C-alpha atoms as a PDB file:
ATOM      1  CA  MET A   1     -32.671 -37.202   0.891  1.00  0.00           C
ATOM      2  CA  ASN A   2     -32.271 -34.148   3.126  1.00  0.00           C
ATOM      3  CA  GLU A   3     -31.629 -30.773   1.535  1.00  0.00           C
ATOM      4  CA  ASP A   4     -28.157 -29.350   2.198  1.00  0.00           C
ATOM      5  CA  PRO A   5     -28.735 -26.546   4.746  1.00  0.00           C
ATOM      6  CA  ARG A   6     -26.104 -24.432   2.984  1.00  0.00           C
ATOM      7  CA  MET A   7     -28.173 -24.259  -0.214  1.00  0.00           C
ATOM      8  CA  ARG A   8     -30.246 -21.095  -0.691  1.00  0.00           C
ATOM      9  CA  THR A   9     -32.265 -19.722  -3.582  1.00  0.00           C
ATOM     10  CA  ILE A  10     -31.434 -16.089  -4.328  1.00  0.00           C
ATOM     11  CA  ALA A  11     -32.987 -14.201  -7.255  1.00  0.00           C
ATOM     12  CA  GLY A  12     -34.190 -17.561  -8.565  1.00  0.00           C
ATOM     13  CA  ILE A  13     -30.682 -19.073  -8.496  1.00  0.00           C
ATOM     14  CA  ARG A  14     -29.797 -21.944  -6.178  1.00  0.00           C
ATOM     15  CA  ILE A  15     -26.435 -21.362  -4.536  1.00  0.00           C
ATOM     16  CA  GLU A  16     -24.329 -22.545  -1.624  1.00  0.00           C
ATOM     17  CA  MET A  17     -24.126 -19.968   1.154  1.00  0.00           C
ATOM     18  CA  ILE A  18     -22.374 -19.947   4.504  1.00  0.00           C
ATOM     19  CA  GLU A  19     -24.123 -17.796   7.131  1.00  0.00           C
ATOM     20  CA  ARG A  20     -22.655 -17.284  10.595  1.00  0.00           C
ATOM     21  CA  GLY A  21     -22.471 -14.721  13.346  1.00  0.00           C
ATOM     22  CA  ALA A  22     -24.536 -11.661  14.138  1.00  0.00           C
ATOM     23  CA  GLY A  23     -24.292  -7.906  13.847  1.00  0.00           C
ATOM     24  CA  ARG A  24     -23.579  -5.749  10.839  1.00  0.00           C
ATOM     25  CA  PRO A  25     -23.522  -7.767   7.607  1.00  0.00           C
ATOM     26  CA  LEU A  26     -20.258  -8.706   5.907  1.00  0.00           C
ATOM     27  CA  LEU A  27     -20.480 -10.158   2.398  1.00  0.00           C
ATOM     28  CA  PHE A  28     -17.414 -12.316   1.719  1.00  0.00           C
ATOM     29  CA  LEU A  29     -16.704 -12.978  -1.970  1.00  0.00           C
ATOM     30  CA  HIS A  30     -14.318 -15.872  -2.437  1.00  0.00           C
ATOM     31  CA  PRO A  31     -11.414 -16.139  -4.899  1.00  0.00           C
ATOM     32  CA  GLY A  32     -11.473 -18.420  -7.922  1.00  0.00           C
ATOM     33  CA  MET A  33     -10.286 -21.398  -5.885  1.00  0.00           C
ATOM     34  CA  GLY A  34     -13.396 -21.142  -3.705  1.00  0.00           C
ATOM     35  CA  ILE A  35     -13.521 -21.146   0.083  1.00  0.00           C
ATOM     36  CA  ALA A  36     -13.776 -24.086   2.489  1.00  0.00           C
ATOM     37  CA  PRO A  37     -16.498 -23.811   5.177  1.00  0.00           C
ATOM     38  CA  ASP A  38     -13.885 -24.546   7.838  1.00  0.00           C
ATOM     39  CA  ALA A  39     -11.456 -21.821   6.708  1.00  0.00           C
ATOM     40  CA  PRO A  40     -10.267 -20.077   9.903  1.00  0.00           C
ATOM     41  CA  VAL A  41     -10.788 -16.610   8.417  1.00  0.00           C
ATOM     42  CA  LEU A  42     -14.547 -17.186   8.206  1.00  0.00           C
ATOM     43  CA  GLU A  43     -14.841 -18.051  11.880  1.00  0.00           C
ATOM     44  CA  LEU A  44     -12.686 -15.073  12.857  1.00  0.00           C
ATOM     45  CA  LEU A  45     -14.876 -12.675  10.882  1.00  0.00           C
ATOM     46  CA  ALA A  46     -18.115 -14.256  12.114  1.00  0.00           C
ATOM     47  CA  LYS A  47     -17.164 -13.518  15.729  1.00  0.00           C
ATOM     48  CA  HIS A  48     -17.742  -9.827  15.063  1.00  0.00           C
ATOM     49  CA  ALA A  49     -20.152  -9.638  12.119  1.00  0.00           C
ATOM     50  CA  ARG A  50     -23.012 -11.344  10.356  1.00  0.00           C
ATOM     51  CA  LEU A  51     -20.963 -13.271   7.826  1.00  0.00           C
ATOM     52  CA  ILE A  52     -22.534 -14.120   4.477  1.00  0.00           C
ATOM     53  CA  ALA A  53     -20.196 -16.141   2.258  1.00  0.00           C
ATOM     54  CA  PRO A  54     -21.899 -17.418  -0.916  1.00  0.00           C
ATOM     55  CA  THR A  55     -20.373 -19.635  -3.570  1.00  0.00           C
ATOM     56  CA  HIS A  56     -20.561 -17.726  -6.855  1.00  0.00           C
ATOM     57  CA  PRO A  57     -23.024 -18.965  -9.483  1.00  0.00           C
ATOM     58  CA  GLY A  58     -21.278 -21.614 -11.562  1.00  0.00           C
ATOM     59  CA  PHE A  59     -18.729 -22.387  -8.838  1.00  0.00           C
ATOM     60  CA  GLY A  60     -18.750 -25.265  -6.352  1.00  0.00           C
ATOM     61  CA  SER A  61     -22.278 -26.640  -6.136  1.00  0.00           C
ATOM     62  CA  SER A  62     -24.016 -23.379  -7.071  1.00  0.00           C
ATOM     63  CA  ASP A  63     -26.185 -23.318 -10.164  1.00  0.00           C
ATOM     64  CA  LEU A  64     -25.004 -21.639 -13.357  1.00  0.00           C
ATOM     65  CA  PRO A  65     -27.947 -19.789 -14.916  1.00  0.00           C
ATOM     66  CA  ALA A  66     -28.306 -19.777 -18.684  1.00  0.00           C
ATOM     67  CA  GLY A  67     -26.746 -16.642 -20.098  1.00  0.00           C
ATOM     68  CA  PHE A  68     -24.301 -16.046 -17.242  1.00  0.00           C
ATOM     69  CA  ASP A  69     -20.986 -15.485 -19.014  1.00  0.00           C
ATOM     70  CA  HIS A  70     -19.692 -12.066 -17.914  1.00  0.00           C
ATOM     71  CA  ILE A  71     -18.411 -10.535 -14.684  1.00  0.00           C
ATOM     72  CA  ASP A  72     -21.372  -8.123 -14.785  1.00  0.00           C
ATOM     73  CA  ASP A  73     -23.728 -11.083 -14.355  1.00  0.00           C
ATOM     74  CA  LEU A  74     -22.064 -11.936 -11.046  1.00  0.00           C
ATOM     75  CA  ALA A  75     -21.951  -8.311  -9.870  1.00  0.00           C
ATOM     76  CA  TYR A  76     -25.655  -7.787 -10.556  1.00  0.00           C
ATOM     77  CA  PHE A  77     -26.469 -11.133  -8.936  1.00  0.00           C
ATOM     78  CA  TYR A  78     -24.834  -9.987  -5.700  1.00  0.00           C
ATOM     79  CA  LEU A  79     -26.585  -6.627  -5.862  1.00  0.00           C
ATOM     80  CA  ASP A  80     -29.825  -8.618  -6.159  1.00  0.00           C
ATOM     81  CA  LEU A  81     -28.734 -10.705  -3.162  1.00  0.00           C
ATOM     82  CA  LEU A  82     -28.313  -7.565  -1.038  1.00  0.00           C
ATOM     83  CA  ASP A  83     -31.789  -6.448  -2.093  1.00  0.00           C
ATOM     84  CA  GLU A  84     -33.443  -9.821  -1.540  1.00  0.00           C
ATOM     85  CA  LEU A  85     -31.936 -10.222   1.929  1.00  0.00           C
ATOM     86  CA  ASP A  86     -32.754  -6.558   2.627  1.00  0.00           C
ATOM     87  CA  LEU A  87     -29.228  -5.853   3.847  1.00  0.00           C
ATOM     88  CA  ALA A  88     -27.937  -2.379   4.633  1.00  0.00           C
ATOM     89  CA  ASP A  89     -24.615  -0.961   5.838  1.00  0.00           C
ATOM     90  CA  VAL A  90     -22.846  -3.926   4.242  1.00  0.00           C
ATOM     91  CA  MET A  91     -19.103  -4.350   4.225  1.00  0.00           C
ATOM     92  CA  VAL A  92     -18.126  -6.215   1.051  1.00  0.00           C
ATOM     93  CA  VAL A  93     -14.842  -8.148   1.224  1.00  0.00           C
ATOM     94  CA  GLY A  94     -13.551  -9.669  -2.009  1.00  0.00           C
ATOM     95  CA  ILE A  95     -10.468 -11.799  -2.585  1.00  0.00           C
ATOM     96  CA  SER A  96      -8.761 -11.963  -6.007  1.00  0.00           C
ATOM     97  CA  PHE A  97     -11.588 -12.864  -8.437  1.00  0.00           C
ATOM     98  CA  GLY A  98     -14.070 -12.032  -5.667  1.00  0.00           C
ATOM     99  CA  GLY A  99     -12.407  -8.632  -5.357  1.00  0.00           C
ATOM    100  CA  TRP A 100     -13.049  -8.025  -9.039  1.00  0.00           C
ATOM    101  CA  ILE A 101     -16.751  -8.776  -8.479  1.00  0.00           C
ATOM    102  CA  ALA A 102     -16.821  -6.465  -5.448  1.00  0.00           C
ATOM    103  CA  ALA A 103     -15.269  -3.600  -7.407  1.00  0.00           C
ATOM    104  CA  GLU A 104     -17.819  -4.053 -10.201  1.00  0.00           C
ATOM    105  CA  MET A 105     -20.617  -3.920  -7.606  1.00  0.00           C
ATOM    106  CA  ALA A 106     -19.243  -0.735  -6.092  1.00  0.00           C
ATOM    107  CA  ILE A 107     -19.157   1.187  -9.387  1.00  0.00           C
ATOM    108  CA  LYS A 108     -22.739   0.194 -10.247  1.00  0.00           C
ATOM    109  CA  ALA A 109     -25.134   0.488  -7.303  1.00  0.00           C
ATOM    110  CA  PRO A 110     -23.423   0.690  -3.915  1.00  0.00           C
ATOM    111  CA  VAL A 111     -26.463   2.056  -2.062  1.00  0.00           C
ATOM    112  CA  ARG A 112     -26.494  -0.907   0.351  1.00  0.00           C
ATOM    113  CA  MET A 113     -22.696  -1.009   0.646  1.00  0.00           C
ATOM    114  CA  SER A 114     -20.906   1.023   3.316  1.00  0.00           C
ATOM    115  CA  ARG A 115     -17.325  -0.273   3.053  1.00  0.00           C
ATOM    116  CA  LEU A 116     -15.209  -2.088   0.493  1.00  0.00           C
ATOM    117  CA  VAL A 117     -12.203  -4.344   1.083  1.00  0.00           C
ATOM    118  CA  LEU A 118     -10.286  -5.713  -1.906  1.00  0.00           C
ATOM    119  CA  ALA A 119      -7.570  -8.292  -1.249  1.00  0.00           C
ATOM    120  CA  ASN A 120      -5.103  -9.040  -4.051  1.00  0.00           C
ATOM    121  CA  ALA A 121      -7.931  -8.226  -6.450  1.00  0.00           C
ATOM    122  CA  VAL A 122      -7.761  -8.770 -10.178  1.00  0.00           C
ATOM    123  CA  GLY A 123      -9.978  -6.993 -12.687  1.00  0.00           C
ATOM    124  CA  ILE A 124      -8.019  -4.068 -14.136  1.00  0.00           C
ATOM    125  CA  LYS A 125      -5.323  -3.521 -16.775  1.00  0.00           C
ATOM    126  CA  VAL A 126      -2.471  -1.338 -15.595  1.00  0.00           C
ATOM    127  CA  SER A 127       0.180  -1.664 -18.316  1.00  0.00           C
ATOM    128  CA  ASP A 128       0.231  -1.578 -22.107  1.00  0.00           C
ATOM    129  CA  ARG A 129      -1.472  -4.165 -24.267  1.00  0.00           C
ATOM    130  CA  GLU A 130       1.741  -6.124 -24.844  1.00  0.00           C
ATOM    131  CA  THR A 131       2.605  -6.494 -21.158  1.00  0.00           C
ATOM    132  CA  ARG A 132       0.948  -9.185 -19.046  1.00  0.00           C
ATOM    133  CA  ASP A 133      -0.321  -7.942 -15.659  1.00  0.00           C
ATOM    134  CA  ILE A 134      -1.775 -11.254 -14.479  1.00  0.00           C
ATOM    135  CA  VAL A 135      -0.034 -14.616 -14.814  1.00  0.00           C
ATOM    136  CA  ASP A 136      -1.789 -17.105 -17.089  1.00  0.00           C
ATOM    137  CA  PHE A 137      -2.462 -19.618 -14.339  1.00  0.00           C
ATOM    138  CA  PHE A 138      -4.296 -21.935 -16.741  1.00  0.00           C
ATOM    139  CA  ALA A 139      -0.933 -22.639 -18.364  1.00  0.00           C
ATOM    140  CA  LEU A 140       0.735 -23.666 -15.085  1.00  0.00           C
ATOM    141  CA  THR A 141       0.885 -26.920 -13.172  1.00  0.00           C
ATOM    142  CA  ASP A 142      -0.344 -26.835  -9.574  1.00  0.00           C
ATOM    143  CA  ASP A 143       3.236 -26.843  -8.291  1.00  0.00           C
ATOM    144  CA  GLU A 144       4.206 -23.960 -10.566  1.00  0.00           C
ATOM    145  CA  LEU A 145       1.134 -22.001  -9.525  1.00  0.00           C
ATOM    146  CA  THR A 146       1.589 -22.378  -5.778  1.00  0.00           C
ATOM    147  CA  ALA A 147       5.266 -21.449  -6.131  1.00  0.00           C
ATOM    148  CA  ILE A 148       4.364 -17.984  -7.429  1.00  0.00           C
ATOM    149  CA  ALA A 149       1.021 -17.453  -5.705  1.00  0.00           C
ATOM    150  CA  ASP A 150       1.895 -18.331  -2.098  1.00  0.00           C
ATOM    151  CA  PHE A 151       4.458 -17.221   0.436  1.00  0.00           C
ATOM    152  CA  ASP A 152       4.323 -20.784   1.750  1.00  0.00           C
ATOM    153  CA  PRO A 153       3.627 -23.016  -1.274  1.00  0.00           C
ATOM    154  CA  GLY A 154       2.102 -25.647   1.007  1.00  0.00           C
ATOM    155  CA  VAL A 155      -0.869 -23.489   1.949  1.00  0.00           C
ATOM    156  CA  SER A 156      -2.868 -24.227  -1.182  1.00  0.00           C
ATOM    157  CA  ALA A 157      -1.322 -27.546  -2.207  1.00  0.00           C
ATOM    158  CA  ARG A 158      -3.856 -30.342  -2.706  1.00  0.00           C
ATOM    159  CA  ASP A 159      -3.719 -34.113  -2.748  1.00  0.00           C
ATOM    160  CA  TYR A 160      -6.477 -34.820  -5.254  1.00  0.00           C
ATOM    161  CA  LYS A 161      -6.306 -38.577  -4.705  1.00  0.00           C
ATOM    162  CA  ALA A 162      -7.127 -38.115  -1.020  1.00  0.00           C
ATOM    163  CA  MET A 163      -9.962 -35.649  -1.569  1.00  0.00           C
ATOM    164  CA  PRO A 164     -13.640 -36.667  -1.696  1.00  0.00           C
ATOM    165  CA  GLU A 165     -15.062 -36.823  -5.209  1.00  0.00           C
ATOM    166  CA  GLN A 166     -17.460 -33.949  -4.474  1.00  0.00           C
ATOM    167  CA  ALA A 167     -14.561 -31.680  -3.484  1.00  0.00           C
ATOM    168  CA  VAL A 168     -12.605 -32.526  -6.643  1.00  0.00           C
ATOM    169  CA  ARG A 169     -15.720 -31.914  -8.730  1.00  0.00           C
ATOM    170  CA  ALA A 170     -16.183 -28.508  -7.069  1.00  0.00           C
ATOM    171  CA  LEU A 171     -12.599 -27.512  -7.882  1.00  0.00           C
ATOM    172  CA  ALA A 172     -13.097 -28.562 -11.497  1.00  0.00           C
ATOM    173  CA  ARG A 173     -16.248 -26.424 -11.702  1.00  0.00           C
ATOM    174  CA  ASN A 174     -14.354 -23.501 -10.165  1.00  0.00           C
ATOM    175  CA  ARG A 175     -11.697 -23.734 -12.838  1.00  0.00           C
ATOM    176  CA  GLU A 176     -14.286 -24.010 -15.608  1.00  0.00           C
ATOM    177  CA  ALA A 177     -16.196 -21.007 -14.229  1.00  0.00           C
ATOM    178  CA  MET A 178     -13.032 -18.915 -14.003  1.00  0.00           C
ATOM    179  CA  ALA A 179     -12.456 -19.542 -17.702  1.00  0.00           C
ATOM    180  CA  ARG A 180     -16.070 -18.720 -18.514  1.00  0.00           C
ATOM    181  CA  PHE A 181     -16.068 -15.377 -16.705  1.00  0.00           C
ATOM    182  CA  GLY A 182     -12.460 -14.299 -17.086  1.00  0.00           C
ATOM    183  CA  TRP A 183     -10.867 -15.839 -20.169  1.00  0.00           C
ATOM    184  CA  SER A 184     -11.184 -13.010 -22.672  1.00  0.00           C
ATOM    185  CA  PRO A 185     -10.019 -10.419 -21.939  1.00  0.00           C
ATOM    186  CA  PHE A 186      -7.951 -12.298 -19.391  1.00  0.00           C
ATOM    187  CA  MET A 187      -9.098 -11.624 -15.811  1.00  0.00           C
ATOM    188  CA  HIS A 188      -9.942  -7.969 -16.320  1.00  0.00           C
ATOM    189  CA  ASP A 189     -12.597  -5.578 -17.535  1.00  0.00           C
ATOM    190  CA  PRO A 190     -10.934  -3.059 -19.894  1.00  0.00           C
ATOM    191  CA  LYS A 191     -13.247  -0.284 -18.662  1.00  0.00           C
ATOM    192  CA  LEU A 192     -13.105  -0.973 -14.927  1.00  0.00           C
ATOM    193  CA  ARG A 193      -9.954   0.966 -14.057  1.00  0.00           C
ATOM    194  CA  HIS A 194     -11.391   4.221 -15.383  1.00  0.00           C
ATOM    195  CA  ARG A 195     -14.719   3.609 -13.666  1.00  0.00           C
ATOM    196  CA  LEU A 196     -13.234   3.021 -10.212  1.00  0.00           C
ATOM    197  CA  ARG A 197     -13.466   6.791  -9.682  1.00  0.00           C
ATOM    198  CA  ARG A 198     -17.204   6.210  -9.150  1.00  0.00           C
ATOM    199  CA  ILE A 199     -16.532   4.452  -5.842  1.00  0.00           C
ATOM    200  CA  ARG A 200     -17.448   6.801  -3.022  1.00  0.00           C
ATOM    201  CA  ILE A 201     -17.451   4.459  -0.035  1.00  0.00           C
ATOM    202  CA  PRO A 202     -14.427   3.966   2.235  1.00  0.00           C
ATOM    203  CA  SER A 203     -12.141   1.436   0.571  1.00  0.00           C
ATOM    204  CA  LEU A 204      -9.205  -0.628   1.807  1.00  0.00           C
ATOM    205  CA  LEU A 205      -6.863  -2.722  -0.314  1.00  0.00           C
ATOM    206  CA  LEU A 206      -5.210  -5.554   1.598  1.00  0.00           C
ATOM    207  CA  TRP A 207      -2.285  -7.062  -0.277  1.00  0.00           C
ATOM    208  CA  GLY A 208      -0.076 -10.071   0.363  1.00  0.00           C
ATOM    209  CA  THR A 209       3.436  -8.849  -0.423  1.00  0.00           C
ATOM    210  CA  ALA A 210       4.703 -12.226  -1.734  1.00  0.00           C
ATOM    211  CA  ASP A 211       2.115 -12.351  -4.531  1.00  0.00           C
ATOM    212  CA  ARG A 212       3.847 -13.004  -7.853  1.00  0.00           C
ATOM    213  CA  MET A 213       0.603 -13.655  -9.707  1.00  0.00           C
ATOM    214  CA  LEU A 214       0.177  -9.931 -10.292  1.00  0.00           C
ATOM    215  CA  ALA A 215       2.698  -7.529 -11.795  1.00  0.00           C
ATOM    216  CA  PRO A 216       4.730  -5.139  -9.590  1.00  0.00           C
ATOM    217  CA  GLY A 217       2.792  -1.935  -9.088  1.00  0.00           C
ATOM    218  CA  TYR A 218      -0.597  -3.565  -9.656  1.00  0.00           C
ATOM    219  CA  ALA A 219      -1.757  -2.930  -6.090  1.00  0.00           C
ATOM    220  CA  GLU A 220      -0.621   0.690  -6.161  1.00  0.00           C
ATOM    221  CA  ALA A 221      -2.384   1.333  -9.489  1.00  0.00           C
ATOM    222  CA  TYR A 222      -5.606  -0.233  -8.188  1.00  0.00           C
ATOM    223  CA  CYS A 223      -5.478   1.856  -5.031  1.00  0.00           C
ATOM    224  CA  ALA A 224      -4.715   5.100  -6.881  1.00  0.00           C
ATOM    225  CA  ALA A 225      -7.783   4.638  -9.088  1.00  0.00           C
ATOM    226  CA  ILE A 226     -10.220   4.545  -6.128  1.00  0.00           C
ATOM    227  CA  PRO A 227     -10.796   7.940  -4.487  1.00  0.00           C
ATOM    228  CA  GLY A 228      -9.534   7.977  -0.911  1.00  0.00           C
ATOM    229  CA  ALA A 229      -8.565   4.286  -0.900  1.00  0.00           C
ATOM    230  CA  ARG A 230      -5.794   3.029   1.368  1.00  0.00           C
ATOM    231  CA  LEU A 231      -3.338   0.225   0.646  1.00  0.00           C
ATOM    232  CA  GLN A 232      -2.257  -2.020   3.514  1.00  0.00           C
ATOM    233  CA  LYS A 233       0.368  -4.719   2.937  1.00  0.00           C
ATOM    234  CA  ILE A 234       0.346  -8.106   4.655  1.00  0.00           C
ATOM    235  CA  GLU A 235       3.749  -9.699   5.080  1.00  0.00           C
ATOM    236  CA  ARG A 236       4.434 -13.427   4.803  1.00  0.00           C
ATOM    237  CA  ALA A 237       1.440 -13.825   2.494  1.00  0.00           C
ATOM    238  CA  GLY A 238       0.967 -14.130  -1.244  1.00  0.00           C
ATOM    239  CA  HIS A 239      -2.124 -14.072  -3.433  1.00  0.00           C
ATOM    240  CA  SER A 240      -4.295 -15.552  -0.654  1.00  0.00           C
ATOM    241  CA  PRO A 241      -3.604 -13.491   2.484  1.00  0.00           C
ATOM    242  CA  HIS A 242      -6.894 -14.678   4.021  1.00  0.00           C
ATOM    243  CA  LEU A 243      -5.459 -18.210   4.069  1.00  0.00           C
ATOM    244  CA  GLU A 244      -1.812 -17.546   4.893  1.00  0.00           C
ATOM    245  CA  GLN A 245      -2.400 -14.879   7.544  1.00  0.00           C
ATOM    246  CA  PRO A 246      -6.050 -15.297   8.592  1.00  0.00           C
ATOM    247  CA  GLU A 247      -5.682 -13.589  11.976  1.00  0.00           C
ATOM    248  CA  GLU A 248      -3.966 -10.512  10.561  1.00  0.00           C
ATOM    249  CA  PHE A 249      -6.388 -10.428   7.644  1.00  0.00           C
ATOM    250  CA  ALA A 250      -9.479 -10.593   9.874  1.00  0.00           C
ATOM    251  CA  ARG A 251      -7.996  -8.057  12.290  1.00  0.00           C
ATOM    252  CA  ALA A 252      -7.409  -5.576   9.461  1.00  0.00           C
ATOM    253  CA  VAL A 253     -10.924  -6.038   8.061  1.00  0.00           C
ATOM    254  CA  LEU A 254     -12.608  -5.628  11.437  1.00  0.00           C
ATOM    255  CA  ALA A 255     -10.451  -2.641  12.394  1.00  0.00           C
ATOM    256  CA  PHE A 256     -11.431  -0.966   9.121  1.00  0.00           C
ATOM    257  CA  ALA A 257     -15.091  -1.632   9.922  1.00  0.00           C
ATOM    258  CA  GLU A 258     -14.749   0.102  13.284  1.00  0.00           C
ATOM    259  CA  GLU A 259     -12.668   2.919  11.861  1.00  0.00           C
ATOM    260  CA  THR A 260     -15.331   3.793   9.292  1.00  0.00           C
ATOM    261  CA  ARG A 261     -18.388   3.241  11.464  1.00  0.00           C
END
């Protein structure tokens, strides 16, 4: 049986990893739903950068190491990945859950990171303890979730009966991993918001305006906590602007890369 060419071993952990393009490296950290290899946004980004898009440990077909149960484990894994691949001047782009990982990387050891893009990122608490900032998506049906997460609810709808078994299994692992890493406290690190001041690299927050997964003002609070960060809204997109508006999303990311060169 031939080895899947997308499988790589990084820091002793076997993971899926998409690698395309050439030029300055761009680390793409996917949201909790994962990312399909044929997603248009990946090809658009790879035309102008060396795209590295891993599947997080525990997600998809990537291994889950013993003891991995906290967002810090993922952040340090990706810092190890940058070291092991000897990458420098890296733009890190994180979507939703992937944005949370990217922010945790940037407050810890951003020496190999030159730019940070967070898109509809989770990871912080902005209101009081009694007010929910992030919808409990585990309590929703797929139809209910897409209705509040997407501008066009059809963009992330799935026909599970028509999907290959491996794809359904990967989605189930994604959901299990999201619970493992983000269940309690729910999808945030209580200390992250106050540590975002440590980020000293140019930072851009891209935000789909139709996102109803996150509370009003969440994007603005996230942006205000990062020194010098800029917030850029993407219309006709919800919680997954990279899927609903891939051309505009890629254009904004690449323009930011040139702007901060």
